[in-house]
Amino acid sequence: MPELSHRHRMLVLAICCMSLLIVSLDVTVLNVALPSMQQELHASVAGMQWTIDAYTLVLASLLMLAGSTADRVGRRKVFMTGLVLFTIGSVLCSLAPNLDTLIVFRMVQAVGGSMLNPVAMSIITNTFTDPRERARAIGVWGAVVGISMAAGPLVGGLLVDTVGWRSIFWINLPVGLAALLLTLRFVPESRAPKARRPDPVGQLLVIALLGSLTYAIIEAPTSGIVHTLSFGAVALAALLGLLRYEPRRDEPLIDLRFFRSVPFSGATVIAVSAFAALSGFLFLSTLYLQNVRGLNALHAGLWMLPMAFLCFVCAPVSGRLVGNRGPRPSLLIAGVTMTVSGVLFAAFEAETSNVTLVIGYVFFGIGFGFVNAPITNTAVSGMPRAQAGVAAAVASTSRQIGGTLGVAVIGAALASGIQASAYRDTFVAASRPGWWIITACGVAVLVLGWLSSGRRARASAEDTARLLESPEIRDTAGVRAQDPSAA
């Protein structure tokens, strides 16, 4: 990628953030619309889970393929393809006549979405080469998630109450088209110095692992034990197949050597934990505010505004903190506040009091605002730039796996404890196991944030980076070090 001016780099960052905005906004808006969709489409709790998880499942399955493909054929080309598919999928979702077709169209959206965030992060990584500047850029990137969380409930609530739930998909059309035109004009093409070959067997194993695991969890409350265990066995077999097959390939879909880096492994598990907590938090909160308290979509969005606003405020602060102090302070703040929020709901039924409800939302907003920047920065920093797309895709995949498992596990726990005949009376008690799961996710962020950010952990990241660099890349780096004009 050619050297760009500061203004041009900021423009590239803004364009990449537009893609993150439509993907993140789609998730938060959808959560607010769930009760209306459930009523019109006559869907069960499991049906609502699938409208979310069908999207995140396909997204998680294809992210690594999209990242490696972008490194091979061109990041801008794949990014633009993703924008087109995501926009088309959004239009189709707005026209869905029933739940089944909506789920299928959400999967079309996800195919496009898989080409956006990891590829955009790879573009940012190759655009911002200075570590501090990159950390600040990632902080801005994280702030966009906060914007989507702040705007999503309000915009979604207003659209659902005035036009209907189908209109929530229309907002992706103008943003997607604008991002497409700006990308064509201002984002330069870039590729990895050494192209990676496709890995169809690895890709099929990833799909089998995530798909069978998610299906087993979501359908567990209504399916028999044999049915559930059979899909669990498929997931286990796919996992064992990945662990055995991938190390034998010269260019695997998932380079397991990445996980020799303690910070990278820690960031991966932290991403799963944090986004499982977020997806579960939004799922439980939306259903409670609208189905138990009886609020309309807009008023439910207003109740969630403190959480969204603090996420928006804290994300860039976290980015600057990571750039100046490293990831540990942000991760510790995130772990503590997310844990406190979970305990308030799990042990003290915070949702039953207006004051404690707001306090719980405030703590979670702070925690999630601080957690995103250190995850992304740790995943890509120290890795060879030639594999930036794959490293960013692993981080993004971890987020989507977390989101998928959060809705699946917490939704299954809720479905198993709730009684349809007394929905409002049993909801708070039935949701308590879900809140304890969210608490456990906060504890995982706290503990892993401490363990994965020490001196020994950083040394393992440096060793892994040297291991991952191919001889050709090392030779190129040596030439550039001796002669800057060679770059």
Protein backbone atom coordinates (compact mmCIF):
# COMPACT_ATOMS: atom_id res chain seq x y z
CA MET A 1 0.00 0.00 0.00
CA PRO A 2 1.46 3.45 -0.93
CA GLU A 3 2.35 5.94 1.80
CA LEU A 4 -0.67 8.17 2.41
CA SER A 5 -0.97 11.65 3.86
CA HIS A 6 -2.45 12.09 7.33
CA ARG A 7 -5.67 13.48 5.85
CA HIS A 8 -5.97 10.56 3.44
CA ARG A 9 -5.38 8.06 6.27
CA MET A 10 -8.16 9.69 8.29
CA LEU A 11 -10.48 9.40 5.30
CA VAL A 12 -9.66 5.71 4.89
CA LEU A 13 -10.39 5.22 8.60
CA ALA A 14 -13.74 7.00 8.23
CA ILE A 15 -14.72 4.79 5.26
CA CYS A 16 -13.79 1.63 7.16
CA CYS A 17 -15.78 2.87 10.15
CA MET A 18 -18.84 3.27 7.92
CA SER A 19 -18.80 -0.46 7.24
CA LEU A 20 -18.51 -1.18 10.96
CA LEU A 21 -21.38 1.22 11.62
CA ILE A 22 -23.89 -0.57 9.38
CA VAL A 23 -22.89 -4.01 10.70
CA SER A 24 -22.99 -2.95 14.37
CA LEU A 25 -26.12 -0.84 13.93
CA ASP A 26 -27.85 -3.80 12.33
CA VAL A 27 -27.27 -5.88 15.47
CA THR A 28 -28.41 -3.27 18.01
CA VAL A 29 -31.43 -2.20 15.95
CA LEU A 30 -32.48 -5.82 15.51
CA ASN A 31 -32.45 -6.46 19.26
CA VAL A 32 -34.91 -3.63 19.85
CA ALA A 33 -37.17 -5.00 17.10
CA LEU A 34 -37.21 -8.59 18.43
CA PRO A 35 -40.51 -8.40 20.36
CA SER A 36 -42.34 -6.85 17.38
CA MET A 37 -40.87 -9.43 15.03
CA GLN A 38 -41.78 -12.20 17.47
CA GLN A 39 -45.40 -11.04 17.58
CA GLU A 40 -45.87 -10.54 13.83
CA LEU A 41 -44.03 -13.70 12.77
CA HIS A 42 -45.45 -15.83 15.64
CA ALA A 43 -41.97 -16.91 16.69
CA SER A 44 -40.77 -18.68 19.83
CA VAL A 45 -37.76 -17.69 21.94
CA ALA A 46 -35.72 -20.16 19.85
CA GLY A 47 -36.98 -18.48 16.67
CA MET A 48 -35.76 -15.12 17.94
CA GLN A 49 -32.41 -16.69 18.79
CA TRP A 50 -32.07 -17.91 15.21
CA THR A 51 -32.73 -14.46 13.71
CA ILE A 52 -29.58 -13.34 15.55
CA ASP A 53 -27.50 -16.51 15.48
CA ALA A 54 -28.09 -17.39 11.82
CA TYR A 55 -26.33 -14.13 11.04
CA THR A 56 -23.48 -14.43 13.55
CA LEU A 57 -23.00 -18.12 12.77
CA VAL A 58 -22.42 -17.55 9.05
CA LEU A 59 -20.34 -14.48 9.84
CA ALA A 60 -18.09 -16.39 12.23
CA SER A 61 -17.72 -19.28 9.80
CA LEU A 62 -16.57 -17.11 6.88
CA LEU A 63 -14.51 -14.38 8.54
CA MET A 64 -11.18 -16.18 8.31
CA LEU A 65 -11.83 -17.15 4.71
CA ALA A 66 -12.67 -13.52 3.92
CA GLY A 67 -9.53 -12.27 5.65
CA SER A 68 -7.18 -14.64 3.85
CA THR A 69 -8.97 -14.09 0.53
CA ALA A 70 -8.61 -10.33 0.91
CA ASP A 71 -4.90 -10.72 1.59
CA ARG A 72 -4.63 -12.80 -1.58
CA VAL A 73 -6.88 -11.13 -4.19
CA GLY A 74 -7.02 -7.57 -2.84
CA ARG A 75 -8.50 -6.00 0.27
CA ARG A 76 -10.41 -3.22 -1.47
CA LYS A 77 -11.95 -5.65 -3.95
CA VAL A 78 -13.24 -7.98 -1.21
CA PHE A 79 -14.36 -5.02 0.92
CA MET A 80 -16.48 -3.61 -1.92
CA THR A 81 -17.99 -7.03 -2.63
CA GLY A 82 -18.97 -7.27 1.02
CA LEU A 83 -20.68 -3.87 0.91
CA VAL A 84 -22.74 -4.92 -2.12
CA LEU A 85 -23.84 -8.24 -0.60
CA PHE A 86 -24.65 -6.74 2.79
CA THR A 87 -26.78 -4.02 1.23
CA ILE A 88 -28.65 -6.50 -0.98
CA GLY A 89 -29.20 -8.80 2.02
CA SER A 90 -30.63 -5.90 4.02
CA VAL A 91 -33.18 -5.14 1.31
CA LEU A 92 -34.18 -8.82 1.17
CA CYS A 93 -34.62 -8.95 4.96
CA SER A 94 -37.05 -6.03 4.80
CA LEU A 95 -39.18 -8.02 2.33
CA ALA A 96 -39.17 -11.36 4.20
CA PRO A 97 -42.72 -12.82 4.39
CA ASN A 98 -42.05 -15.22 7.29
CA LEU A 99 -39.47 -16.25 9.89
CA ASP A 100 -37.79 -18.91 7.75
CA THR A 101 -37.11 -16.59 4.82
CA LEU A 102 -35.95 -13.86 7.21
CA ILE A 103 -33.38 -16.25 8.65
CA VAL A 104 -32.19 -17.16 5.13
CA PHE A 105 -31.87 -13.49 4.13
CA ARG A 106 -29.99 -12.77 7.37
CA MET A 107 -27.50 -15.38 6.22
CA VAL A 108 -27.10 -13.50 2.90
CA GLN A 109 -26.37 -10.38 4.94
CA ALA A 110 -23.79 -12.31 6.92
CA VAL A 111 -21.90 -13.43 3.80
CA GLY A 112 -21.42 -9.76 2.95
CA GLY A 113 -20.71 -8.82 6.56
CA SER A 114 -17.91 -11.40 6.74
CA MET A 115 -16.06 -9.38 4.08
CA LEU A 116 -16.35 -6.07 5.92
CA ASN A 117 -14.99 -5.86 9.47
CA PRO A 118 -11.89 -8.10 9.25
CA VAL A 119 -10.96 -6.67 5.87
CA ALA A 120 -11.54 -3.12 7.09
CA MET A 121 -9.34 -3.82 10.12
CA SER A 122 -6.66 -5.21 7.81
CA ILE A 123 -6.86 -2.01 5.72
CA ILE A 124 -6.52 0.08 8.88
CA THR A 125 -3.56 -2.00 10.08
CA ASN A 126 -1.75 -1.51 6.78
CA THR A 127 -2.68 2.19 6.63
CA PHE A 128 -1.61 3.09 10.18
CA THR A 129 1.84 1.58 10.62
CA ASP A 130 2.88 3.59 13.70
CA PRO A 131 1.83 1.61 16.81
CA ARG A 132 0.48 4.61 18.73
CA GLU A 133 -1.36 6.00 15.73
CA ARG A 134 -2.79 2.55 15.06
CA ALA A 135 -3.98 2.23 18.66
CA ARG A 136 -5.76 5.58 18.42
CA ALA A 137 -7.32 4.57 15.11
CA ILE A 138 -8.58 1.37 16.70
CA GLY A 139 -9.97 3.47 19.55
CA VAL A 140 -11.98 5.44 16.99
CA TRP A 141 -13.02 2.12 15.46
CA GLY A 142 -14.27 1.00 18.88
CA ALA A 143 -16.12 4.29 19.36
CA VAL A 144 -18.17 3.47 16.27
CA VAL A 145 -19.49 0.42 18.11
CA GLY A 146 -20.52 2.84 20.86
CA ILE A 147 -22.24 5.06 18.30
CA SER A 148 -24.17 2.08 16.98
CA MET A 149 -25.15 1.07 20.52
CA ALA A 150 -26.28 4.62 21.26
CA ALA A 151 -28.08 5.21 17.98
CA GLY A 152 -29.38 1.67 17.44
CA PRO A 153 -31.95 1.48 20.26
CA LEU A 154 -33.22 5.01 19.56
CA VAL A 155 -33.31 4.78 15.77
CA GLY A 156 -34.62 1.23 15.90
CA GLY A 157 -37.25 2.06 18.49
CA LEU A 158 -38.46 5.06 16.52
CA LEU A 159 -38.65 3.10 13.27
CA VAL A 160 -40.37 0.10 14.84
CA ASP A 161 -43.00 2.25 16.59
CA THR A 162 -43.74 4.49 13.58
CA VAL A 163 -43.09 2.42 10.43
CA GLY A 164 -42.64 -1.18 11.55
CA TRP A 165 -39.77 -3.59 12.14
CA ARG A 166 -39.05 -4.05 8.43
CA SER A 167 -37.83 -0.47 8.19
CA ILE A 168 -34.82 -1.21 10.42
CA PHE A 169 -33.11 -2.84 7.43
CA TRP A 170 -33.62 0.18 5.17
CA ILE A 171 -31.05 2.32 6.98
CA ASN A 172 -28.25 0.07 5.66
CA LEU A 173 -29.01 1.07 2.07
CA PRO A 174 -27.79 4.72 1.99
CA VAL A 175 -24.80 4.07 4.26
CA GLY A 176 -23.76 1.00 2.27
CA LEU A 177 -24.00 2.82 -1.07
CA ALA A 178 -22.06 5.84 0.25
CA ALA A 179 -19.31 3.60 1.66
CA LEU A 180 -19.10 1.74 -1.67
CA LEU A 181 -18.62 4.91 -3.72
CA LEU A 182 -16.08 6.38 -1.27
CA THR A 183 -14.11 3.12 -1.20
CA LEU A 184 -13.92 3.09 -4.99
CA ARG A 185 -12.58 6.65 -4.96
CA PHE A 186 -10.26 6.87 -1.94
CA VAL A 187 -9.18 3.45 -0.61
CA PRO A 188 -6.03 2.12 -2.33
CA GLU A 189 -5.77 -1.57 -3.18
CA SER A 190 -3.41 -3.70 -1.08
CA ARG A 191 -2.43 -7.35 -0.88
CA ALA A 192 -0.18 -9.53 1.22
CA PRO A 193 3.33 -9.98 -0.26
CA LYS A 194 2.80 -13.74 -0.32
CA ALA A 195 -0.62 -15.07 -1.34
CA ARG A 196 -2.25 -17.76 0.82
CA ARG A 197 -3.89 -20.74 -0.84
CA PRO A 198 -7.53 -21.66 -0.10
CA ASP A 199 -8.24 -24.33 2.53
CA PRO A 200 -11.67 -25.84 1.67
CA VAL A 201 -11.37 -28.74 4.14
CA GLY A 202 -10.55 -26.39 7.00
CA GLN A 203 -13.44 -24.12 5.99
CA LEU A 204 -15.93 -27.02 6.02
CA LEU A 205 -14.68 -28.16 9.43
CA VAL A 206 -15.18 -24.64 10.85
CA ILE A 207 -18.75 -24.51 9.49
CA ALA A 208 -19.50 -27.98 10.91
CA LEU A 209 -18.06 -27.04 14.31
CA LEU A 210 -19.90 -23.75 14.76
CA GLY A 211 -23.15 -24.83 13.12
CA SER A 212 -23.60 -28.09 15.04
CA LEU A 213 -22.57 -26.53 18.36
CA THR A 214 -24.98 -23.61 17.99
CA TYR A 215 -27.83 -25.87 16.89
CA ALA A 216 -27.28 -28.21 19.82
CA ILE A 217 -27.37 -25.34 22.33
CA ILE A 218 -30.40 -23.49 20.92
CA GLU A 219 -32.53 -26.58 20.40
CA ALA A 220 -31.52 -28.27 23.67
CA PRO A 221 -34.58 -27.03 25.68
CA THR A 222 -37.06 -28.49 23.15
CA SER A 223 -35.16 -31.41 21.57
CA GLY A 224 -34.41 -34.77 23.11
CA ILE A 225 -31.12 -35.60 24.78
CA VAL A 226 -30.12 -37.96 21.96
CA HIS A 227 -30.75 -35.28 19.33
CA THR A 228 -28.72 -32.71 21.28
CA LEU A 229 -25.84 -35.08 21.99
CA SER A 230 -25.61 -36.14 18.35
CA PHE A 231 -25.00 -32.56 17.22
CA GLY A 232 -22.59 -32.10 20.12
CA ALA A 233 -20.67 -35.13 18.87
CA VAL A 234 -20.47 -33.62 15.38
CA ALA A 235 -19.05 -30.42 16.88
CA LEU A 236 -16.45 -32.37 18.86
CA ALA A 237 -15.43 -34.40 15.80
CA ALA A 238 -15.06 -31.20 13.74
CA LEU A 239 -12.90 -29.65 16.46
CA LEU A 240 -10.64 -32.69 16.64
CA GLY A 241 -10.44 -32.70 12.85
CA LEU A 242 -9.30 -29.07 12.83
CA LEU A 243 -6.66 -29.69 15.47
CA ARG A 244 -5.31 -32.65 13.51
CA TYR A 245 -5.62 -31.38 9.93
CA GLU A 246 -4.66 -27.70 10.10
CA PRO A 247 -1.10 -28.08 11.49
CA ARG A 248 -0.26 -30.38 8.57
CA ARG A 249 -0.97 -27.72 5.95
CA ASP A 250 1.67 -25.26 4.81
CA GLU A 251 -0.96 -22.50 4.61
CA PRO A 252 -3.89 -23.45 6.85
CA LEU A 253 -7.14 -21.54 7.21
CA ILE A 254 -6.37 -21.25 10.93
CA ASP A 255 -2.69 -21.03 11.69
CA LEU A 256 -2.60 -22.62 15.14
CA ARG A 257 0.85 -21.12 15.71
CA PHE A 258 -0.90 -17.80 16.31
CA PHE A 259 -2.06 -19.20 19.63
CA ARG A 260 1.51 -19.64 20.87
CA SER A 261 1.31 -15.92 21.57
CA VAL A 262 -0.18 -15.56 25.05
CA PRO A 263 -1.58 -12.04 24.34
CA PHE A 264 -3.17 -13.28 21.11
CA SER A 265 -4.72 -16.32 22.80
CA GLY A 266 -5.85 -14.17 25.70
CA ALA A 267 -7.39 -11.61 23.35
CA THR A 268 -9.24 -14.41 21.54
CA VAL A 269 -10.84 -15.79 24.70
CA ILE A 270 -11.52 -12.29 26.03
CA ALA A 271 -13.30 -11.45 22.77
CA VAL A 272 -15.49 -14.56 23.07
CA SER A 273 -16.30 -13.73 26.71
CA ALA A 274 -16.97 -10.01 26.16
CA PHE A 275 -19.23 -10.45 23.14
CA ALA A 276 -21.06 -13.38 24.71
CA ALA A 277 -21.81 -11.04 27.61
CA LEU A 278 -22.90 -8.24 25.26
CA SER A 279 -25.21 -10.37 23.13
CA GLY A 280 -26.75 -12.01 26.19
CA PHE A 281 -27.11 -8.63 27.92
CA LEU A 282 -28.96 -7.08 24.96
CA PHE A 283 -31.11 -10.19 24.48
CA LEU A 284 -32.29 -10.33 28.10
CA SER A 285 -32.68 -6.57 28.47
CA THR A 286 -34.76 -6.14 25.33
CA LEU A 287 -37.15 -8.97 26.17
CA TYR A 288 -37.50 -7.77 29.76
CA LEU A 289 -38.14 -4.11 28.99
CA GLN A 290 -40.72 -4.78 26.28
CA ASN A 291 -42.34 -8.09 27.21
CA VAL A 292 -42.27 -7.77 31.01
CA ARG A 293 -42.39 -4.03 31.67
CA GLY A 294 -44.58 -3.47 28.61
CA LEU A 295 -42.53 -0.60 27.16
CA ASN A 296 -42.63 0.16 23.46
CA ALA A 297 -39.50 -0.16 21.36
CA LEU A 298 -38.55 3.53 21.63
CA HIS A 299 -38.92 3.71 25.40
CA ALA A 300 -36.95 0.48 25.76
CA GLY A 301 -34.19 2.06 23.67
CA LEU A 302 -34.17 5.13 25.93
CA TRP A 303 -33.68 2.94 29.00
CA MET A 304 -30.62 1.38 27.39
CA LEU A 305 -29.15 4.75 26.41
CA PRO A 306 -26.87 5.12 29.49
CA MET A 307 -25.11 1.88 28.58
CA ALA A 308 -24.75 2.88 24.94
CA PHE A 309 -23.57 6.42 25.73
CA LEU A 310 -20.84 5.24 28.10
CA CYS A 311 -19.66 2.66 25.59
CA PHE A 312 -19.35 5.47 23.05
CA VAL A 313 -17.45 7.71 25.49
CA CYS A 314 -15.12 5.04 26.87
CA ALA A 315 -14.04 3.41 23.59
CA PRO A 316 -11.73 6.23 22.37
CA VAL A 317 -10.44 6.71 25.93
CA SER A 318 -9.53 3.04 25.95
CA GLY A 319 -7.81 3.39 22.57
CA ARG A 320 -5.60 6.20 23.88
CA LEU A 321 -4.94 4.27 27.09
CA VAL A 322 -3.84 1.21 25.09
CA GLY A 323 -1.55 3.40 22.99
CA ASN A 324 0.09 4.96 26.05
CA ARG A 325 -0.05 2.24 28.72
CA GLY A 326 -0.70 -1.01 26.89
CA PRO A 327 -3.81 -3.23 27.09
CA ARG A 328 -3.74 -4.18 30.79
CA PRO A 329 -5.46 -1.10 32.35
CA SER A 330 -8.33 -1.18 29.86
CA LEU A 331 -8.86 -4.92 30.30
CA LEU A 332 -8.86 -4.68 34.09
CA ILE A 333 -11.37 -1.82 34.06
CA ALA A 334 -13.55 -3.75 31.63
CA GLY A 335 -13.40 -6.97 33.66
CA VAL A 336 -14.28 -5.30 36.96
CA THR A 337 -17.19 -3.22 35.65
CA MET A 338 -18.72 -6.02 33.58
CA THR A 339 -18.53 -8.35 36.57
CA VAL A 340 -20.17 -5.80 38.87
CA SER A 341 -22.97 -5.29 36.35
CA GLY A 342 -23.61 -9.02 36.07
CA VAL A 343 -23.68 -9.47 39.85
CA LEU A 344 -26.21 -6.64 40.23
CA PHE A 345 -28.66 -8.46 37.97
CA ALA A 346 -27.86 -12.03 39.03
CA ALA A 347 -27.75 -11.59 42.81
CA PHE A 348 -29.81 -8.45 43.44
CA GLU A 349 -32.39 -8.50 40.60
CA ALA A 350 -31.33 -5.05 39.42
CA GLU A 351 -34.00 -4.99 36.71
CA THR A 352 -36.79 -4.79 39.31
CA SER A 353 -35.71 -1.30 40.48
CA ASN A 354 -35.27 1.71 38.21
CA VAL A 355 -32.17 2.92 40.10
CA THR A 356 -30.31 -0.39 40.11
CA LEU A 357 -31.35 -1.04 36.50
CA VAL A 358 -29.66 2.18 35.36
CA ILE A 359 -26.60 1.48 37.55
CA GLY A 360 -26.29 -1.98 35.99
CA TYR A 361 -26.48 -0.48 32.50
CA VAL A 362 -23.88 2.16 33.39
CA PHE A 363 -21.35 -0.40 34.64
CA PHE A 364 -21.82 -2.62 31.60
CA GLY A 365 -21.47 0.33 29.22
CA ILE A 366 -18.17 1.31 30.83
CA GLY A 367 -16.89 -2.27 30.69
CA PHE A 368 -17.76 -2.92 27.08
CA GLY A 369 -16.48 0.49 26.05
CA PHE A 370 -13.05 -0.33 27.46
CA VAL A 371 -12.76 -3.92 26.23
CA ASN A 372 -12.89 -3.57 22.45
CA ALA A 373 -9.71 -1.57 21.73
CA PRO A 374 -7.30 -3.86 23.65
CA ILE A 375 -8.79 -6.95 21.97
CA THR A 376 -8.22 -5.61 18.47
CA ASN A 377 -4.86 -4.01 19.16
CA THR A 378 -3.48 -7.14 20.85
CA ALA A 379 -4.69 -9.37 18.03
CA VAL A 380 -2.92 -7.47 15.27
CA SER A 381 0.08 -5.89 17.01
CA GLY A 382 3.29 -7.87 16.79
CA MET A 383 1.96 -10.04 13.98
CA PRO A 384 3.60 -9.84 10.52
CA ARG A 385 1.78 -7.27 8.39
CA ALA A 386 1.54 -9.86 5.61
CA GLN A 387 -0.87 -11.86 7.79
CA ALA A 388 -2.80 -8.89 9.13
CA GLY A 389 -6.00 -9.99 7.40
CA VAL A 390 -5.90 -13.45 8.96
CA ALA A 391 -5.00 -12.14 12.45
CA ALA A 392 -7.79 -9.54 12.31
CA ALA A 393 -10.20 -12.20 11.04
CA VAL A 394 -9.40 -14.49 13.98
CA ALA A 395 -10.15 -11.61 16.36
CA SER A 396 -13.40 -10.81 14.53
CA THR A 397 -14.32 -14.49 14.44
CA SER A 398 -13.84 -14.68 18.20
CA ARG A 399 -16.26 -11.78 18.62
CA GLN A 400 -18.89 -13.43 16.46
CA ILE A 401 -18.44 -16.81 18.14
CA GLY A 402 -18.95 -15.04 21.45
CA GLY A 403 -22.06 -13.31 20.16
CA THR A 404 -23.43 -16.57 18.79
CA LEU A 405 -22.76 -18.55 21.96
CA GLY A 406 -24.05 -15.75 24.19
CA VAL A 407 -27.47 -15.70 22.55
CA ALA A 408 -27.55 -19.49 22.23
CA VAL A 409 -26.55 -20.35 25.81
CA ILE A 410 -28.35 -17.53 27.61
CA GLY A 411 -31.43 -17.90 25.40
CA ALA A 412 -31.51 -21.64 26.08
CA ALA A 413 -31.19 -21.04 29.83
CA LEU A 414 -34.06 -18.55 29.66
CA ALA A 415 -36.27 -20.83 27.54
CA SER A 416 -35.77 -23.76 29.91
CA GLY A 417 -36.90 -21.76 32.96
CA ILE A 418 -39.67 -19.59 31.60
CA GLN A 419 -43.33 -20.59 31.63
CA ALA A 420 -45.44 -19.36 28.73
CA SER A 421 -48.58 -19.20 30.87
CA ALA A 422 -46.92 -16.86 33.38
CA TYR A 423 -44.29 -15.13 31.21
CA ARG A 424 -44.09 -11.88 33.14
CA ASP A 425 -44.09 -13.53 36.56
CA THR A 426 -41.37 -16.07 35.79
CA PHE A 427 -39.06 -14.01 33.56
CA VAL A 428 -36.86 -12.49 36.27
CA ALA A 429 -36.23 -15.82 37.99
CA ALA A 430 -35.73 -17.61 34.66
CA SER A 431 -33.19 -15.03 33.49
CA ARG A 432 -31.02 -15.32 36.63
CA PRO A 433 -28.81 -18.15 35.24
CA GLY A 434 -28.21 -15.99 32.17
CA TRP A 435 -27.03 -13.10 34.34
CA TRP A 436 -24.65 -15.42 36.21
CA ILE A 437 -23.21 -16.47 32.84
CA ILE A 438 -22.67 -12.80 32.01
CA THR A 439 -20.95 -12.38 35.40
CA ALA A 440 -18.64 -15.30 34.62
CA CYS A 441 -17.76 -13.66 31.30
CA GLY A 442 -16.76 -10.50 33.17
CA VAL A 443 -14.54 -12.50 35.52
CA ALA A 444 -12.89 -14.17 32.51
CA VAL A 445 -12.09 -10.75 31.01
CA LEU A 446 -10.58 -9.62 34.32
CA VAL A 447 -8.41 -12.70 34.94
CA LEU A 448 -7.25 -13.17 31.36
CA GLY A 449 -6.63 -9.45 31.00
CA TRP A 450 -4.14 -9.66 33.84
CA LEU A 451 -2.48 -12.91 32.77
CA SER A 452 -2.12 -12.09 29.07
CA SER A 453 -0.57 -8.62 29.42
CA GLY A 454 2.56 -9.25 31.49
CA ARG A 455 6.21 -9.28 30.45
CA ARG A 456 6.36 -13.02 29.76
CA ALA A 457 3.18 -12.80 27.71
CA ARG A 458 4.67 -10.03 25.55
CA ALA A 459 7.83 -12.07 25.07
CA SER A 460 5.74 -14.97 23.75
CA ALA A 461 4.12 -12.59 21.23
CA GLU A 462 7.55 -11.54 19.95
CA ASP A 463 8.64 -15.17 19.62
CA THR A 464 5.44 -16.02 17.73
CA ALA A 465 5.88 -13.11 15.32
CA ARG A 466 9.38 -14.30 14.44
CA LEU A 467 8.06 -17.83 13.95
CA LEU A 468 5.28 -16.67 11.63
CA GLU A 469 7.43 -14.56 9.35
CA SER A 470 8.37 -16.43 6.18
CA PRO A 471 11.95 -16.17 4.87
CA GLU A 472 10.74 -14.08 1.94
CA ILE A 473 9.10 -11.56 4.24
CA ARG A 474 12.17 -11.38 6.49
CA ASP A 475 14.37 -10.75 3.46
CA THR A 476 12.04 -7.98 2.25
CA ALA A 477 11.99 -6.42 5.71
CA GLY A 478 15.82 -6.50 5.76
CA VAL A 479 16.03 -4.73 2.41
CA ARG A 480 13.61 -2.05 3.60
CA ALA A 481 15.56 -1.54 6.81
CA GLN A 482 18.76 -0.99 4.83
CA ASP A 483 17.19 1.06 2.06
CA PRO A 484 13.97 2.93 2.98
CA SER A 485 13.36 3.75 -0.68
CA ALA A 486 12.76 0.04 -1.31
CA ALA A 487 9.40 0.36 0.46
